[in-house]
Protein backbone atom coordinates (compact mmCIF):
# COMPACT_ATOMS: atom_id res chain seq x y z
CA MET A 1 109.96 66.42 107.75
CA SER A 2 113.04 68.21 107.35
CA TYR A 3 114.93 71.46 107.55
CA ALA A 4 116.63 73.75 105.13
CA SER A 5 119.12 76.25 106.38
CA PRO A 6 117.81 79.65 105.01
CA SER A 7 120.33 81.32 102.57
CA LEU A 8 120.51 85.03 103.35
CA ALA A 9 121.91 86.06 100.09
CA PRO A 10 119.08 88.42 98.66
CA SER A 11 120.74 89.86 95.55
CA SER A 12 120.76 86.68 93.68
CA THR A 13 117.12 86.81 92.73
CA THR A 14 114.68 89.74 92.47
CA ALA A 15 111.00 89.39 93.22
CA SER A 16 108.97 89.39 90.17
CA LEU A 17 106.22 92.20 89.87
CA SER A 18 102.76 91.55 88.71
CA SER A 19 100.38 94.30 87.27
CA SER A 20 97.46 91.72 87.07
CA PRO A 21 94.39 92.88 89.36
CA THR A 22 94.19 91.04 92.67
CA PRO A 23 91.15 91.24 95.10
CA SER A 24 92.69 94.35 96.80
CA ALA A 25 93.18 95.91 93.26
CA ALA A 26 96.75 95.97 94.00
CA LEU A 27 99.42 97.95 91.57
CA TYR A 28 102.11 95.47 92.21
CA SER A 29 102.26 92.42 94.45
CA TRP A 30 105.00 90.28 95.52
CA ASN A 31 103.98 86.56 95.94
CA PRO A 32 106.76 84.26 96.66
CA PRO A 33 106.50 80.61 95.74
CA ALA A 34 104.57 78.48 98.33
CA ASN A 35 107.49 76.06 98.57
CA ILE A 36 110.82 77.97 99.11
CA SER A 37 114.21 76.67 99.86
CA ASP A 38 115.68 79.68 101.23
CA LEU A 39 114.93 83.37 101.94
CA THR A 40 116.11 84.89 98.76
CA PRO A 41 112.36 85.98 97.69
CA PHE A 42 112.33 88.13 100.75
CA ASN A 43 115.15 90.26 99.59
CA ILE A 44 116.61 90.82 102.98
CA THR A 45 118.42 93.96 103.61
CA TYR A 46 119.19 93.43 107.34
CA PHE A 47 119.11 90.45 109.80
CA PRO A 48 120.08 91.74 113.20
CA SER A 49 119.01 88.76 115.08
CA GLY A 50 117.95 85.14 115.44
CA GLN A 51 119.49 83.46 112.19
CA ASP A 52 119.83 80.34 114.04
CA ASN A 53 116.39 80.30 115.23
CA LEU A 54 114.88 80.23 111.93
CA HIS A 55 114.51 77.11 109.52
CA ILE A 56 112.55 76.36 106.60
CA VAL A 57 110.41 73.15 106.85
CA SER A 58 108.55 71.33 103.94
CA PRO A 59 106.99 67.98 103.77
CA SER A 60 108.47 67.43 100.33
CA SER A 61 112.12 68.46 101.25
CA ASN A 62 114.59 65.47 100.78
CA GLN A 63 117.20 67.27 103.11
CA THR A 64 118.04 65.80 106.41
CA ASN A 65 116.36 67.03 109.54
CA SER A 66 119.37 68.60 111.50
CA THR A 67 117.49 69.00 114.78
CA GLY A 68 115.03 66.31 115.17
CA VAL A 69 112.92 68.70 117.33
CA LEU A 70 109.42 67.84 115.71
CA SER A 71 108.05 64.67 115.15
CA ILE A 72 106.16 63.81 111.81
CA SER A 73 102.86 63.82 113.62
CA SER A 74 103.49 67.17 115.08
CA PHE A 75 104.60 68.31 111.60
CA THR A 76 101.48 67.28 109.93
CA ASN A 77 99.42 69.18 112.34
CA LEU A 78 100.44 72.20 110.27
CA ASN A 79 98.38 70.85 107.45
CA LEU A 80 100.91 71.69 104.97
CA THR A 81 100.76 70.12 101.45
CA ASP A 82 103.70 68.84 99.53
CA ASP A 83 103.77 72.04 97.66
CA ASP A 84 103.85 74.01 100.88
CA SER A 85 106.88 75.46 103.01
CA ALA A 86 106.68 77.29 106.30
CA LEU A 87 109.27 79.38 108.34
CA GLU A 88 109.81 77.85 111.75
CA LEU A 89 110.75 80.09 114.55
CA PHE A 90 112.56 78.77 117.73
CA TYR A 91 112.05 80.48 121.03
CA PRO A 92 114.68 78.87 123.57
CA ALA A 93 113.56 78.56 127.12
CA HIS A 94 113.93 81.81 129.33
CA SER A 95 114.21 83.96 125.91
CA ILE A 96 112.62 87.31 125.56
CA ASN A 97 113.60 89.98 123.12
CA PRO A 98 116.62 90.05 121.06
CA GLY A 99 118.77 92.20 123.09
CA ASN A 100 118.86 89.53 125.79
CA SER A 101 120.50 86.02 126.15
CA PRO A 102 119.52 83.55 125.26
CA GLN A 103 118.16 85.16 122.12
CA GLY A 104 114.73 84.03 121.06
CA GLY A 105 112.87 84.18 117.82
CA ALA A 106 114.39 86.18 114.84
CA GLU A 107 113.97 89.57 113.15
CA PHE A 108 115.00 90.69 109.71
CA TYR A 109 114.00 93.32 107.18
CA ALA A 110 112.64 92.39 103.99
CA GLN A 111 112.31 94.76 100.89
CA PRO A 112 110.84 92.59 98.03
CA LEU A 113 109.18 95.57 96.39
CA ASP A 114 110.27 99.17 95.83
CA LEU A 115 107.98 101.00 98.01
CA SER A 116 109.44 104.34 97.74
CA ASN A 117 106.54 105.83 95.96
CA ALA A 118 103.81 104.04 97.56
CA SER A 119 101.10 105.68 99.76
CA SER A 120 99.44 102.39 100.67
CA VAL A 121 100.70 99.10 101.25
CA THR A 122 99.43 95.72 102.45
CA LEU A 123 101.29 93.01 104.22
CA GLU A 124 99.68 89.59 104.93
CA TYR A 125 100.80 86.09 106.29
CA SER A 126 99.59 83.13 108.40
CA VAL A 127 100.99 82.27 111.78
CA PHE A 128 100.52 78.90 113.61
CA PHE A 129 100.55 78.49 117.47
CA PRO A 130 100.73 74.77 118.53
CA ASP A 131 98.27 73.40 121.07
CA ASP A 132 100.79 73.52 123.97
CA PHE A 133 101.80 77.14 123.12
CA ASP A 134 102.29 79.24 126.38
CA TRP A 135 101.43 82.66 125.73
CA VAL A 136 103.24 83.95 128.90
CA LYS A 137 102.49 87.89 128.83
CA ALA A 138 103.27 89.06 125.40
CA GLY A 139 105.19 88.58 122.21
CA LYS A 140 105.93 90.49 118.91
CA LEU A 141 104.75 89.53 115.27
CA PRO A 142 105.73 90.82 111.68
CA GLY A 143 104.47 94.08 110.29
CA ILE A 144 105.44 96.99 108.01
CA TYR A 145 108.01 99.37 108.67
CA GLY A 146 109.08 102.95 107.23
CA GLY A 147 111.76 105.62 107.64
CA HIS A 148 114.59 103.51 108.76
CA THR A 149 115.29 100.11 110.57
CA GLY A 150 115.38 99.97 114.34
CA CYS A 151 112.12 101.71 114.87
CA SER A 152 111.45 99.52 117.98
CA GLY A 153 113.04 98.59 121.36
CA GLY A 154 112.02 102.16 122.70
CA ASP A 155 113.18 104.10 119.72
CA ASP A 156 111.53 107.71 119.90
CA ALA A 157 110.09 106.97 116.39
CA ASP A 158 110.53 110.74 115.50
CA ASP A 159 111.51 109.93 111.86
CA CYS A 160 110.21 106.24 111.57
CA PHE A 161 107.36 103.97 112.09
CA SER A 162 106.68 100.31 112.35
CA THR A 163 103.13 98.49 112.61
CA ARG A 164 104.08 94.98 114.10
CA LEU A 165 101.36 92.97 115.64
CA MET A 166 101.48 91.45 119.14
CA TRP A 167 99.92 88.80 121.33
CA ARG A 168 99.13 89.25 124.74
CA GLU A 169 98.04 86.85 127.70
CA GLY A 170 95.42 84.44 126.31
CA GLY A 171 96.15 85.00 122.67
CA LEU A 172 94.69 88.54 122.52
CA GLY A 173 95.83 90.35 119.55
CA GLU A 174 96.67 94.04 118.82
CA LEU A 175 98.62 96.54 116.82
CA TYR A 176 101.76 97.40 118.32
CA LEU A 177 102.61 100.98 116.85
CA TYR A 178 105.74 102.79 116.68
CA ALA A 179 105.34 106.20 115.28
CA PRO A 180 105.70 109.77 116.70
CA ARG A 181 103.93 109.51 119.99
CA ASP A 182 103.08 113.16 120.67
CA LYS A 183 101.60 113.67 117.14
CA GLN A 184 98.96 110.97 117.25
CA ALA A 185 95.19 112.07 117.26
CA LYS A 186 93.49 111.42 120.63
CA SER A 187 91.07 109.01 118.77
CA VAL A 188 94.11 106.56 117.89
CA CYS A 189 94.84 105.82 121.74
CA GLU A 190 90.81 105.34 122.07
CA THR A 191 90.71 102.59 119.55
CA PRO A 192 88.40 99.94 121.15
CA PRO A 193 88.24 97.67 123.22
CA GLN A 194 91.46 98.90 124.89
CA SER A 195 94.46 100.96 123.90
CA VAL A 196 97.42 101.82 125.94
CA CYS A 197 99.64 104.93 124.84
CA ASP A 198 101.43 105.73 128.24
CA SER A 199 104.36 103.32 127.41
CA GLU A 200 108.06 104.48 126.66
CA TYR A 201 108.03 102.02 123.98
CA GLY A 202 105.17 101.04 121.50
CA LEU A 203 101.51 102.22 121.48
CA SER A 204 99.30 99.35 122.22
CA ILE A 205 96.38 99.93 119.97
CA GLY A 206 93.10 97.77 119.79
CA ARG A 207 94.18 95.20 122.45
CA GLY A 208 91.71 92.33 122.37
CA SER A 209 90.11 93.10 119.25
CA PHE A 210 90.96 89.81 117.93
CA ASN A 211 92.48 86.55 119.22
CA PHE A 212 95.28 84.36 117.99
CA THR A 213 94.13 80.76 118.40
CA LYS A 214 96.13 77.62 119.22
CA GLY A 215 96.25 74.53 116.82
CA ASN A 216 95.21 76.64 113.60
CA TRP A 217 96.48 78.78 111.17
CA THR A 218 95.49 82.60 111.69
CA HIS A 219 95.63 84.72 108.68
CA VAL A 220 96.48 88.47 109.03
CA ARG A 221 96.26 91.14 106.69
CA GLN A 222 97.20 94.64 107.61
CA THR A 223 97.20 97.77 105.29
CA VAL A 224 98.88 101.19 105.96
CA THR A 225 98.00 104.25 104.25
CA LEU A 226 100.56 106.94 104.77
CA ASN A 227 99.45 110.33 106.14
CA THR A 228 99.87 113.49 104.36
CA PRO A 229 103.13 114.73 105.89
CA GLY A 230 102.60 116.47 108.97
CA MET A 231 98.92 115.60 109.04
CA GLN A 232 96.89 113.37 111.09
CA ASP A 233 95.17 111.54 108.32
CA GLY A 234 96.96 108.19 107.94
CA ALA A 235 95.13 104.87 108.21
CA PHE A 236 95.71 101.22 109.46
CA VAL A 237 93.18 98.53 108.60
CA LEU A 238 93.65 94.88 110.04
CA GLU A 239 91.63 91.97 108.88
CA VAL A 240 92.18 88.53 110.85
CA ASN A 241 90.76 85.36 109.12
CA GLY A 242 88.92 87.80 106.64
CA GLN A 243 87.12 89.82 109.35
CA ARG A 244 87.75 93.32 109.96
CA ALA A 245 89.42 93.68 113.44
CA ILE A 246 90.99 97.14 113.63
CA ASN A 247 89.87 100.38 111.46
CA GLY A 248 92.21 103.10 112.49
CA SER A 249 92.35 106.54 111.12
CA GLU A 250 93.89 110.12 111.97
CA ILE A 251 97.46 107.98 112.37
CA PHE A 252 100.51 110.21 112.24
CA TYR A 253 103.13 108.16 110.61
CA ARG A 254 105.62 111.00 109.14
CA GLY A 255 106.33 114.46 109.69
CA PHE A 256 108.14 115.29 106.33
CA PRO A 257 107.86 114.30 102.68
CA GLY A 258 110.39 112.37 100.69
CA SER A 259 111.63 108.67 100.45
CA ASP A 260 113.24 108.91 103.95
CA SER A 261 110.08 108.93 105.57
CA ASN A 262 108.13 106.39 103.07
CA THR A 263 107.26 102.99 103.71
CA LYS A 264 110.21 100.73 103.11
CA GLY A 265 109.32 97.13 103.69
CA GLY A 266 108.45 94.18 106.10
CA LEU A 267 109.81 94.07 109.62
CA LEU A 268 109.46 90.30 109.98
CA GLY A 269 110.38 89.76 113.50
CA THR A 270 109.03 87.73 116.50
CA PHE A 271 110.01 87.13 119.99
CA PHE A 272 108.74 87.20 123.61
CA GLY A 273 108.57 90.54 125.30
CA GLY A 274 108.51 93.00 126.70
CA HIS A 275 111.90 93.52 128.12
CA GLU A 276 111.34 92.31 131.69
CA PRO A 277 112.11 88.74 132.90
CA GLU A 278 108.53 88.01 133.43
CA TYR A 279 107.82 87.95 129.67
CA ALA A 280 110.51 85.37 129.07
CA THR A 281 109.21 81.92 127.86
CA PRO A 282 109.37 79.25 130.42
CA LYS A 283 110.22 76.47 127.96
CA ASP A 284 111.18 75.85 124.40
CA GLN A 285 108.62 76.92 122.01
CA TYR A 286 107.97 77.21 118.19
CA THR A 287 105.67 79.09 115.85
CA TRP A 288 105.41 78.88 112.09
CA PHE A 289 104.67 81.27 109.32
CA LYS A 290 103.50 80.96 105.69
CA GLY A 291 101.76 82.81 102.86
CA PHE A 292 103.73 86.06 103.01
CA ASN A 293 102.24 88.58 100.58
CA LEU A 294 102.98 92.19 99.98
CA THR A 295 101.33 94.55 97.72
CA ILE A 296 101.21 98.34 96.58
CA ASP A 297 97.77 99.54 96.75
CA SER A 298 98.41 103.14 95.75
């Protein structure tokens, strides 16, 4: 196993578009190569935190393992072939969200497709939690964002949205929604089996509707369909390992028309938290991500 330090020069390569039909009947699709050597295919527009916590790992790489964190046996548990690579994320002991020290995980914004005219967008990826992973209380995972960056961390979300996923204690999963809080239909905060919408931060939607598992890849596929500006008619669909987990409607993502309120790209961030010390990981931990795909459905 070896590590490649991810290059952050997104302008050197543009993502290829494909108009060929896919199972989701996508109009355009971004499919980065399975084995990447840097982050160029993601077309990163902003990388606010955690660059030192992200590495690209690949069984076929000939580069030197600069950290020696993982043994070969641990690496092969990921079931990667020689043609695969994965993003490895590091969470140092006692880290929580990126605003604290030590800084855990990483967060960057990716725009591999022009989504300015898209009304429905799908993001999918797979995430691996090792057998000894400690969930603690909660942690964030990638999702879609629109409007502008920074739609997280207590932002009022009056002119932006984000649809990150979140793990809770025991690996319970949920949609962690940032969108105009006071504009949501009552049904959004009644999504089973549990939803919590009284936070000054994001809205916890469908908590426990699925589980992340240890020792295996979990594949997630989320589709965001924008609302008519000012109307409660947006949608969010989440499939986990091919099974429907959340099917949300009447979601209010945006209050006004135009590209400033449309979907922008992927908010590819992960860290422990919460903001309180009890959310911090008690030990050094890792997760891995692969199989990113972004499609314009309409």
